[in-house]
Amino acid sequence: MTGAEFRDLRGKLGLDQVVLAQVLGVHVSTIYRWEELGRRAIGMNSIQRLLVVGLVRMADSPARLAVLGARIKEELVFGGVLPALQVVVVFLCKEAA
């Protein structure tokens, strides 16, 4: 995935860099650096890659991504990072089924 594709996906989710950094377990500066790569590939660990690939598969449905983004923000506010990550994983598992 390129930095531009990543930025586009984040936009479709309706998440800012801080929120997505929390969900992926990276510092916000990492998200900024990834997005600044433009057409170059970004480096992620295997867990981050699995999450992002799952989200990319849903990118053809901006409405579903927007719903997911809203749920992530809600969980971060009321539950924290782990519940937000759980929302992503459960959502992706339902999509795969």
PDB file of N, CA and C in Angstrom:
ATOM      1  N   MET A   1       0.841  -1.171   0.000  1.00  0.00           N
ATOM      2  CA  MET A   1       0.000   0.000   0.000  1.00  0.00           C
ATOM      3  C   MET A   1       0.889   1.239   0.000  1.00  0.00           C
ATOM      4  N   THR A   2       0.502   2.194  -0.793  1.00  0.00           N
ATOM      5  CA  THR A   2       1.273   3.439  -0.853  1.00  0.00           C
ATOM      6  C   THR A   2       0.759   4.428   0.187  1.00  0.00           C
ATOM      7  N   GLY A   3       1.546   5.452   0.408  1.00  0.00           N
ATOM      8  CA  GLY A   3       1.132   6.497   1.336  1.00  0.00           C
ATOM      9  C   GLY A   3      -0.141   7.187   0.889  1.00  0.00           C
ATOM     10  N   ALA A   4      -0.283   7.419  -0.406  1.00  0.00           N
ATOM     11  CA  ALA A   4      -1.483   8.072  -0.938  1.00  0.00           C
ATOM     12  C   ALA A   4      -2.713   7.186  -0.739  1.00  0.00           C
ATOM     13  N   GLU A   5      -2.576   5.892  -0.967  1.00  0.00           N
ATOM     14  CA  GLU A   5      -3.692   4.965  -0.762  1.00  0.00           C
ATOM     15  C   GLU A   5      -4.096   4.922   0.709  1.00  0.00           C
ATOM     16  N   PHE A   6      -3.102   4.946   1.569  1.00  0.00           N
ATOM     17  CA  PHE A   6      -3.363   4.937   3.007  1.00  0.00           C
ATOM     18  C   PHE A   6      -4.124   6.195   3.417  1.00  0.00           C
ATOM     19  N   ARG A   7      -3.694   7.351   2.934  1.00  0.00           N
ATOM     20  CA  ARG A   7      -4.362   8.620   3.257  1.00  0.00           C
ATOM     21  C   ARG A   7      -5.809   8.591   2.758  1.00  0.00           C
ATOM     22  N   ASP A   8      -6.022   8.037   1.550  1.00  0.00           N
ATOM     23  CA  ASP A   8      -7.366   7.932   0.990  1.00  0.00           C
ATOM     24  C   ASP A   8      -8.245   7.031   1.860  1.00  0.00           C
ATOM     25  N   LEU A   9      -7.706   5.910   2.291  1.00  0.00           N
ATOM     26  CA  LEU A   9      -8.453   4.995   3.151  1.00  0.00           C
ATOM     27  C   LEU A   9      -8.817   5.671   4.472  1.00  0.00           C
ATOM     28  N   ARG A  10      -7.871   6.388   5.059  1.00  0.00           N
ATOM     29  CA  ARG A  10      -8.140   7.094   6.318  1.00  0.00           C
ATOM     30  C   ARG A  10      -9.254   8.110   6.119  1.00  0.00           C
ATOM     31  N   GLY A  11      -9.238   8.782   4.980  1.00  0.00           N
ATOM     32  CA  GLY A  11     -10.297   9.743   4.679  1.00  0.00           C
ATOM     33  C   GLY A  11     -11.659   9.077   4.549  1.00  0.00           C
ATOM     34  N   LYS A  12     -11.704   7.913   3.909  1.00  0.00           N
ATOM     35  CA  LYS A  12     -12.966   7.193   3.762  1.00  0.00           C
ATOM     36  C   LYS A  12     -13.496   6.710   5.107  1.00  0.00           C
ATOM     37  N   LEU A  13     -12.585   6.398   6.018  1.00  0.00           N
ATOM     38  CA  LEU A  13     -12.997   6.012   7.365  1.00  0.00           C
ATOM     39  C   LEU A  13     -13.467   7.214   8.176  1.00  0.00           C
ATOM     40  N   GLY A  14     -13.075   8.404   7.753  1.00  0.00           N
ATOM     41  CA  GLY A  14     -13.437   9.612   8.490  1.00  0.00           C
ATOM     42  C   GLY A  14     -12.659   9.760   9.779  1.00  0.00           C
ATOM     43  N   LEU A  15     -11.443   9.196   9.794  1.00  0.00           N
ATOM     44  CA  LEU A  15     -10.617   9.246  11.001  1.00  0.00           C
ATOM     45  C   LEU A  15      -9.463  10.217  10.812  1.00  0.00           C
ATOM     46  N   ASP A  16      -9.102  10.897  11.884  1.00  0.00           N
ATOM     47  CA  ASP A  16      -7.908  11.733  11.793  1.00  0.00           C
ATOM     48  C   ASP A  16      -6.678  10.876  12.071  1.00  0.00           C
ATOM     49  N   GLN A  17      -5.513  11.473  11.894  1.00  0.00           N
ATOM     50  CA  GLN A  17      -4.267  10.725  12.052  1.00  0.00           C
ATOM     51  C   GLN A  17      -4.082  10.193  13.465  1.00  0.00           C
ATOM     52  N   VAL A  18      -4.515  10.949  14.467  1.00  0.00           N
ATOM     53  CA  VAL A  18      -4.341  10.542  15.856  1.00  0.00           C
ATOM     54  C   VAL A  18      -5.148   9.279  16.148  1.00  0.00           C
ATOM     55  N   VAL A  19      -6.391   9.253  15.718  1.00  0.00           N
ATOM     56  CA  VAL A  19      -7.258   8.106  15.986  1.00  0.00           C
ATOM     57  C   VAL A  19      -6.731   6.859  15.289  1.00  0.00           C
ATOM     58  N   LEU A  20      -6.370   6.979  14.024  1.00  0.00           N
ATOM     59  CA  LEU A  20      -5.878   5.809  13.298  1.00  0.00           C
ATOM     60  C   LEU A  20      -4.551   5.325  13.886  1.00  0.00           C
ATOM     61  N   ALA A  21      -3.724   6.232  14.343  1.00  0.00           N
ATOM     62  CA  ALA A  21      -2.473   5.842  14.998  1.00  0.00           C
ATOM     63  C   ALA A  21      -2.757   5.007  16.243  1.00  0.00           C
ATOM     64  N   GLN A  22      -3.739   5.403  17.028  1.00  0.00           N
ATOM     65  CA  GLN A  22      -4.091   4.645  18.228  1.00  0.00           C
ATOM     66  C   GLN A  22      -4.546   3.231  17.867  1.00  0.00           C
ATOM     67  N   VAL A  23      -5.393   3.113  16.855  1.00  0.00           N
ATOM     68  CA  VAL A  23      -5.917   1.805  16.469  1.00  0.00           C
ATOM     69  C   VAL A  23      -4.813   0.899  15.935  1.00  0.00           C
ATOM     70  N   LEU A  24      -3.889   1.452  15.165  1.00  0.00           N
ATOM     71  CA  LEU A  24      -2.809   0.644  14.596  1.00  0.00           C
ATOM     72  C   LEU A  24      -1.623   0.481  15.544  1.00  0.00           C
ATOM     73  N   GLY A  25      -1.657   1.164  16.673  1.00  0.00           N
ATOM     74  CA  GLY A  25      -0.595   1.021  17.660  1.00  0.00           C
ATOM     75  C   GLY A  25       0.710   1.672  17.273  1.00  0.00           C
ATOM     76  N   VAL A  26       0.612   2.815  16.599  1.00  0.00           N
ATOM     77  CA  VAL A  26       1.805   3.558  16.207  1.00  0.00           C
ATOM     78  C   VAL A  26       1.678   5.002  16.688  1.00  0.00           C
ATOM     79  N   HIS A  27       2.775   5.711  16.673  1.00  0.00           N
ATOM     80  CA  HIS A  27       2.765   7.129  17.020  1.00  0.00           C
ATOM     81  C   HIS A  27       2.156   7.899  15.854  1.00  0.00           C
ATOM     82  N   VAL A  28       1.503   9.001  16.157  1.00  0.00           N
ATOM     83  CA  VAL A  28       0.865   9.807  15.117  1.00  0.00           C
ATOM     84  C   VAL A  28       1.876  10.265  14.065  1.00  0.00           C
ATOM     85  N   SER A  29       3.123  10.467  14.457  1.00  0.00           N
ATOM     86  CA  SER A  29       4.138  10.883  13.482  1.00  0.00           C
ATOM     87  C   SER A  29       4.383   9.784  12.442  1.00  0.00           C
ATOM     88  N   THR A  30       4.161   8.533  12.826  1.00  0.00           N
ATOM     89  CA  THR A  30       4.298   7.427  11.872  1.00  0.00           C
ATOM     90  C   THR A  30       3.233   7.531  10.802  1.00  0.00           C
ATOM     91  N   ILE A  31       2.004   7.817  11.197  1.00  0.00           N
ATOM     92  CA  ILE A  31       0.911   7.987  10.226  1.00  0.00           C
ATOM     93  C   ILE A  31       1.250   9.141   9.286  1.00  0.00           C
ATOM     94  N   TYR A  32       1.722  10.232   9.854  1.00  0.00           N
ATOM     95  CA  TYR A  32       2.096  11.386   9.036  1.00  0.00           C
ATOM     96  C   TYR A  32       3.173  11.001   8.021  1.00  0.00           C
ATOM     97  N   ARG A  33       4.210  10.287   8.482  1.00  0.00           N
ATOM     98  CA  ARG A  33       5.297   9.882   7.577  1.00  0.00           C
ATOM     99  C   ARG A  33       4.784   8.943   6.489  1.00  0.00           C
ATOM    100  N   TRP A  34       3.934   7.973   6.865  1.00  0.00           N
ATOM    101  CA  TRP A  34       3.382   7.055   5.867  1.00  0.00           C
ATOM    102  C   TRP A  34       2.640   7.821   4.783  1.00  0.00           C
ATOM    103  N   GLU A  35       1.814   8.774   5.193  1.00  0.00           N
ATOM    104  CA  GLU A  35       1.019   9.523   4.220  1.00  0.00           C
ATOM    105  C   GLU A  35       1.882  10.413   3.341  1.00  0.00           C
ATOM    106  N   GLU A  36       2.990  10.877   3.864  1.00  0.00           N
ATOM    107  CA  GLU A  36       3.891  11.727   3.088  1.00  0.00           C
ATOM    108  C   GLU A  36       4.678  10.949   2.036  1.00  0.00           C
ATOM    109  N   LEU A  37       4.638   9.626   2.081  1.00  0.00           N
ATOM    110  CA  LEU A  37       5.379   8.814   1.106  1.00  0.00           C
ATOM    111  C   LEU A  37       4.761   8.869  -0.289  1.00  0.00           C
ATOM    112  N   GLY A  38       3.526   9.348  -0.378  1.00  0.00           N
ATOM    113  CA  GLY A  38       2.892   9.471  -1.687  1.00  0.00           C
ATOM    114  C   GLY A  38       2.741   8.139  -2.385  1.00  0.00           C
ATOM    115  N   ARG A  39       3.453   7.977  -3.497  1.00  0.00           N
ATOM    116  CA  ARG A  39       3.327   6.763  -4.302  1.00  0.00           C
ATOM    117  C   ARG A  39       4.246   5.629  -3.852  1.00  0.00           C
ATOM    118  N   ARG A  40       5.058   5.888  -2.848  1.00  0.00           N
ATOM    119  CA  ARG A  40       5.957   4.842  -2.353  1.00  0.00           C
ATOM    120  C   ARG A  40       5.240   3.975  -1.326  1.00  0.00           C
ATOM    121  N   ALA A  41       5.663   2.716  -1.234  1.00  0.00           N
ATOM    122  CA  ALA A  41       5.053   1.765  -0.302  1.00  0.00           C
ATOM    123  C   ALA A  41       5.416   2.114   1.137  1.00  0.00           C
ATOM    124  N   ILE A  42       4.475   1.864   2.036  1.00  0.00           N
ATOM    125  CA  ILE A  42       4.739   2.091   3.450  1.00  0.00           C
ATOM    126  C   ILE A  42       5.063   0.764   4.127  1.00  0.00           C
ATOM    127  N   GLY A  43       5.842   0.832   5.194  1.00  0.00           N
ATOM    128  CA  GLY A  43       6.225  -0.368   5.928  1.00  0.00           C
ATOM    129  C   GLY A  43       5.360  -0.537   7.168  1.00  0.00           C
ATOM    130  N   MET A  44       4.748  -1.716   7.286  1.00  0.00           N
ATOM    131  CA  MET A  44       3.900  -2.021   8.440  1.00  0.00           C
ATOM    132  C   MET A  44       4.279  -3.380   8.979  1.00  0.00           C
ATOM    133  N   ASN A  45       3.970  -3.606  10.250  1.00  0.00           N
ATOM    134  CA  ASN A  45       4.158  -4.954  10.766  1.00  0.00           C
ATOM    135  C   ASN A  45       2.989  -5.821  10.299  1.00  0.00           C
ATOM    136  N   SER A  46       3.042  -7.101  10.570  1.00  0.00           N
ATOM    137  CA  SER A  46       2.049  -8.021  10.004  1.00  0.00           C
ATOM    138  C   SER A  46       0.634  -7.758  10.525  1.00  0.00           C
ATOM    139  N   ILE A  47       0.486  -7.399  11.780  1.00  0.00           N
ATOM    140  CA  ILE A  47      -0.844  -7.115  12.330  1.00  0.00           C
ATOM    141  C   ILE A  47      -1.428  -5.870  11.675  1.00  0.00           C
ATOM    142  N   GLN A  48      -0.631  -4.824  11.577  1.00  0.00           N
ATOM    143  CA  GLN A  48      -1.100  -3.596  10.936  1.00  0.00           C
ATOM    144  C   GLN A  48      -1.491  -3.873   9.491  1.00  0.00           C
ATOM    145  N   ARG A  49      -0.675  -4.661   8.806  1.00  0.00           N
ATOM    146  CA  ARG A  49      -0.946  -4.975   7.405  1.00  0.00           C
ATOM    147  C   ARG A  49      -2.271  -5.728   7.263  1.00  0.00           C
ATOM    148  N   LEU A  50      -2.532  -6.693   8.145  1.00  0.00           N
ATOM    149  CA  LEU A  50      -3.789  -7.446   8.093  1.00  0.00           C
ATOM    150  C   LEU A  50      -4.992  -6.524   8.289  1.00  0.00           C
ATOM    151  N   LEU A  51      -4.899  -5.627   9.260  1.00  0.00           N
ATOM    152  CA  LEU A  51      -5.998  -4.697   9.505  1.00  0.00           C
ATOM    153  C   LEU A  51      -6.239  -3.794   8.303  1.00  0.00           C
ATOM    154  N   VAL A  52      -5.173  -3.247   7.773  1.00  0.00           N
ATOM    155  CA  VAL A  52      -5.310  -2.310   6.658  1.00  0.00           C
ATOM    156  C   VAL A  52      -5.785  -3.025   5.400  1.00  0.00           C
ATOM    157  N   VAL A  53      -5.283  -4.231   5.126  1.00  0.00           N
ATOM    158  CA  VAL A  53      -5.737  -4.979   3.951  1.00  0.00           C
ATOM    159  C   VAL A  53      -7.228  -5.274   4.063  1.00  0.00           C
ATOM    160  N   GLY A  54      -7.687  -5.639   5.251  1.00  0.00           N
ATOM    161  CA  GLY A  54      -9.116  -5.866   5.452  1.00  0.00           C
ATOM    162  C   GLY A  54      -9.933  -4.620   5.177  1.00  0.00           C
ATOM    163  N   LEU A  55      -9.440  -3.486   5.623  1.00  0.00           N
ATOM    164  CA  LEU A  55     -10.138  -2.226   5.378  1.00  0.00           C
ATOM    165  C   LEU A  55     -10.137  -1.859   3.897  1.00  0.00           C
ATOM    166  N   VAL A  56      -9.038  -2.131   3.219  1.00  0.00           N
ATOM    167  CA  VAL A  56      -8.949  -1.831   1.789  1.00  0.00           C
ATOM    168  C   VAL A  56      -9.983  -2.637   1.013  1.00  0.00           C
ATOM    169  N   ARG A  57     -10.208  -3.872   1.435  1.00  0.00           N
ATOM    170  CA  ARG A  57     -11.194  -4.713   0.750  1.00  0.00           C
ATOM    171  C   ARG A  57     -12.591  -4.133   0.840  1.00  0.00           C
ATOM    172  N   MET A  58     -12.831  -3.316   1.861  1.00  0.00           N
ATOM    173  CA  MET A  58     -14.137  -2.685   2.010  1.00  0.00           C
ATOM    174  C   MET A  58     -14.175  -1.289   1.404  1.00  0.00           C
ATOM    175  N   ALA A  59     -13.100  -0.846   0.823  1.00  0.00           N
ATOM    176  CA  ALA A  59     -12.996   0.536   0.349  1.00  0.00           C
ATOM    177  C   ALA A  59     -13.989   0.870  -0.747  1.00  0.00           C
ATOM    178  N   ASP A  60     -14.557  -0.154  -1.395  1.00  0.00           N
ATOM    179  CA  ASP A  60     -15.537   0.115  -2.433  1.00  0.00           C
ATOM    180  C   ASP A  60     -16.879   0.540  -1.839  1.00  0.00           C
ATOM    181  N   SER A  61     -17.003   0.482  -0.531  1.00  0.00           N
ATOM    182  CA  SER A  61     -18.232   0.885   0.145  1.00  0.00           C
ATOM    183  C   SER A  61     -17.931   1.974   1.174  1.00  0.00           C
ATOM    184  N   PRO A  62     -17.871   3.222   0.719  1.00  0.00           N
ATOM    185  CA  PRO A  62     -17.580   4.320   1.644  1.00  0.00           C
ATOM    186  C   PRO A  62     -18.565   4.400   2.804  1.00  0.00           C
ATOM    187  N   ALA A  63     -19.811   4.001   2.573  1.00  0.00           N
ATOM    188  CA  ALA A  63     -20.804   4.063   3.645  1.00  0.00           C
ATOM    189  C   ALA A  63     -20.431   3.114   4.778  1.00  0.00           C
ATOM    190  N   ARG A  64     -20.010   1.891   4.435  1.00  0.00           N
ATOM    191  CA  ARG A  64     -19.604   0.931   5.470  1.00  0.00           C
ATOM    192  C   ARG A  64     -18.358   1.415   6.197  1.00  0.00           C
ATOM    193  N   LEU A  65     -17.420   2.000   5.453  1.00  0.00           N
ATOM    194  CA  LEU A  65     -16.212   2.518   6.090  1.00  0.00           C
ATOM    195  C   LEU A  65     -16.540   3.670   7.030  1.00  0.00           C
ATOM    196  N   ALA A  66     -17.482   4.518   6.636  1.00  0.00           N
ATOM    197  CA  ALA A  66     -17.869   5.637   7.497  1.00  0.00           C
ATOM    198  C   ALA A  66     -18.506   5.130   8.792  1.00  0.00           C
ATOM    199  N   VAL A  67     -19.330   4.090   8.689  1.00  0.00           N
ATOM    200  CA  VAL A  67     -19.941   3.498   9.878  1.00  0.00           C
ATOM    201  C   VAL A  67     -18.859   2.930  10.785  1.00  0.00           C
ATOM    202  N   LEU A  68     -17.914   2.215  10.200  1.00  0.00           N
ATOM    203  CA  LEU A  68     -16.819   1.652  10.975  1.00  0.00           C
ATOM    204  C   LEU A  68     -16.005   2.757  11.643  1.00  0.00           C
ATOM    205  N   GLY A  69     -15.704   3.808  10.903  1.00  0.00           N
ATOM    206  CA  GLY A  69     -14.943   4.929  11.474  1.00  0.00           C
ATOM    207  C   GLY A  69     -15.650   5.547  12.669  1.00  0.00           C
ATOM    208  N   ALA A  70     -16.971   5.698  12.569  1.00  0.00           N
ATOM    209  CA  ALA A  70     -17.742   6.256  13.678  1.00  0.00           C
ATOM    210  C   ALA A  70     -17.699   5.330  14.891  1.00  0.00           C
ATOM    211  N   ARG A  71     -17.796   4.040  14.664  1.00  0.00           N
ATOM    212  CA  ARG A  71     -17.724   3.072  15.773  1.00  0.00           C
ATOM    213  C   ARG A  71     -16.348   3.090  16.436  1.00  0.00           C
ATOM    214  N   ILE A  72     -15.296   3.206  15.624  1.00  0.00           N
ATOM    215  CA  ILE A  72     -13.934   3.265  16.173  1.00  0.00           C
ATOM    216  C   ILE A  72     -13.802   4.481  17.084  1.00  0.00           C
ATOM    217  N   LYS A  73     -14.246   5.641  16.607  1.00  0.00           N
ATOM    218  CA  LYS A  73     -14.146   6.860  17.419  1.00  0.00           C
ATOM    219  C   LYS A  73     -14.931   6.724  18.719  1.00  0.00           C
ATOM    220  N   GLU A  74     -16.113   6.150  18.633  1.00  0.00           N
ATOM    221  CA  GLU A  74     -16.950   5.961  19.825  1.00  0.00           C
ATOM    222  C   GLU A  74     -16.246   5.067  20.844  1.00  0.00           C
ATOM    223  N   GLU A  75     -15.685   3.972  20.388  1.00  0.00           N
ATOM    224  CA  GLU A  75     -15.003   3.055  21.309  1.00  0.00           C
ATOM    225  C   GLU A  75     -13.758   3.682  21.913  1.00  0.00           C
ATOM    226  N   LEU A  76     -13.030   4.465  21.130  1.00  0.00           N
ATOM    227  CA  LEU A  76     -11.838   5.128  21.676  1.00  0.00           C
ATOM    228  C   LEU A  76     -12.216   6.081  22.800  1.00  0.00           C
ATOM    229  N   VAL A  77     -13.334   6.778  22.628  1.00  0.00           N
ATOM    230  CA  VAL A  77     -13.763   7.738  23.639  1.00  0.00           C
ATOM    231  C   VAL A  77     -14.241   7.030  24.899  1.00  0.00           C
ATOM    232  N   PHE A  78     -15.056   5.991  24.719  1.00  0.00           N
ATOM    233  CA  PHE A  78     -15.696   5.368  25.881  1.00  0.00           C
ATOM    234  C   PHE A  78     -14.978   4.134  26.406  1.00  0.00           C
ATOM    235  N   GLY A  79     -14.182   3.459  25.555  1.00  0.00           N
ATOM    236  CA  GLY A  79     -13.572   2.221  26.005  1.00  0.00           C
ATOM    237  C   GLY A  79     -12.057   2.205  25.948  1.00  0.00           C
ATOM    238  N   GLY A  80     -11.487   2.895  24.978  1.00  0.00           N
ATOM    239  CA  GLY A  80     -10.044   2.902  24.814  1.00  0.00           C
ATOM    240  C   GLY A  80      -9.601   2.175  23.556  1.00  0.00           C
ATOM    241  N   VAL A  81      -8.307   1.966  23.464  1.00  0.00           N
ATOM    242  CA  VAL A  81      -7.711   1.413  22.245  1.00  0.00           C
ATOM    243  C   VAL A  81      -8.120  -0.039  22.001  1.00  0.00           C
ATOM    244  N   LEU A  82      -8.074  -0.874  23.018  1.00  0.00           N
ATOM    245  CA  LEU A  82      -8.393  -2.293  22.799  1.00  0.00           C
ATOM    246  C   LEU A  82      -9.829  -2.515  22.335  1.00  0.00           C
ATOM    247  N   PRO A  83     -10.824  -1.877  22.941  1.00  0.00           N
ATOM    248  CA  PRO A  83     -12.173  -2.040  22.400  1.00  0.00           C
ATOM    249  C   PRO A  83     -12.317  -1.509  20.970  1.00  0.00           C
ATOM    250  N   ALA A  84     -11.597  -0.432  20.648  1.00  0.00           N
ATOM    251  CA  ALA A  84     -11.646   0.095  19.279  1.00  0.00           C
ATOM    252  C   ALA A  84     -11.044  -0.896  18.299  1.00  0.00           C
ATOM    253  N   LEU A  85      -9.935  -1.505  18.687  1.00  0.00           N
ATOM    254  CA  LEU A  85      -9.313  -2.517  17.841  1.00  0.00           C
ATOM    255  C   LEU A  85     -10.235  -3.721  17.687  1.00  0.00           C
ATOM    256  N   GLN A  86     -10.924  -4.083  18.751  1.00  0.00           N
ATOM    257  CA  GLN A  86     -11.863  -5.195  18.696  1.00  0.00           C
ATOM    258  C   GLN A  86     -12.989  -4.899  17.702  1.00  0.00           C
ATOM    259  N   VAL A  87     -13.463  -3.673  17.659  1.00  0.00           N
ATOM    260  CA  VAL A  87     -14.502  -3.285  16.696  1.00  0.00           C
ATOM    261  C   VAL A  87     -14.010  -3.544  15.274  1.00  0.00           C
ATOM    262  N   VAL A  88     -12.770  -3.166  14.997  1.00  0.00           N
ATOM    263  CA  VAL A  88     -12.209  -3.369  13.656  1.00  0.00           C
ATOM    264  C   VAL A  88     -12.135  -4.862  13.339  1.00  0.00           C
ATOM    265  N   VAL A  89     -11.607  -5.641  14.249  1.00  0.00           N
ATOM    266  CA  VAL A  89     -11.436  -7.078  14.013  1.00  0.00           C
ATOM    267  C   VAL A  89     -12.787  -7.769  13.817  1.00  0.00           C
ATOM    268  N   VAL A  90     -13.755  -7.462  14.675  1.00  0.00           N
ATOM    269  CA  VAL A  90     -15.083  -8.072  14.545  1.00  0.00           C
ATOM    270  C   VAL A  90     -15.723  -7.665  13.228  1.00  0.00           C
ATOM    271  N   PHE A  91     -15.603  -6.404  12.875  1.00  0.00           N
ATOM    272  CA  PHE A  91     -16.174  -5.908  11.626  1.00  0.00           C
ATOM    273  C   PHE A  91     -15.561  -6.645  10.434  1.00  0.00           C
ATOM    274  N   LEU A  92     -14.250  -6.810  10.454  1.00  0.00           N
ATOM    275  CA  LEU A  92     -13.575  -7.498   9.347  1.00  0.00           C
ATOM    276  C   LEU A  92     -13.949  -8.971   9.301  1.00  0.00           C
ATOM    277  N   CYS A  93     -14.109  -9.595  10.452  1.00  0.00           N
ATOM    278  CA  CYS A  93     -14.506 -11.014  10.475  1.00  0.00           C
ATOM    279  C   CYS A  93     -15.901 -11.196   9.907  1.00  0.00           C
ATOM    280  N   LYS A  94     -16.810 -10.284  10.219  1.00  0.00           N
ATOM    281  CA  LYS A  94     -18.162 -10.357   9.664  1.00  0.00           C
ATOM    282  C   LYS A  94     -18.139 -10.169   8.157  1.00  0.00           C
ATOM    283  N   GLU A  95     -17.277  -9.271   7.683  1.00  0.00           N
ATOM    284  CA  GLU A  95     -17.170  -9.040   6.244  1.00  0.00           C
ATOM    285  C   GLU A  95     -16.621 -10.259   5.516  1.00  0.00           C
ATOM    286  N   ALA A  96     -15.717 -10.971   6.179  1.00  0.00           N
ATOM    287  CA  ALA A  96     -15.082 -12.138   5.561  1.00  0.00           C
ATOM    288  C   ALA A  96     -16.023 -13.340   5.522  1.00  0.00           C
ATOM    289  N   ALA A  97     -16.988 -13.362   6.423  1.00  0.00           N
ATOM    290  CA  ALA A  97     -17.901 -14.523   6.505  1.00  0.00           C
ATOM    291  C   ALA A  97     -18.926 -14.552   5.398  1.00  0.00           C
TER     292      ALA A  97
END
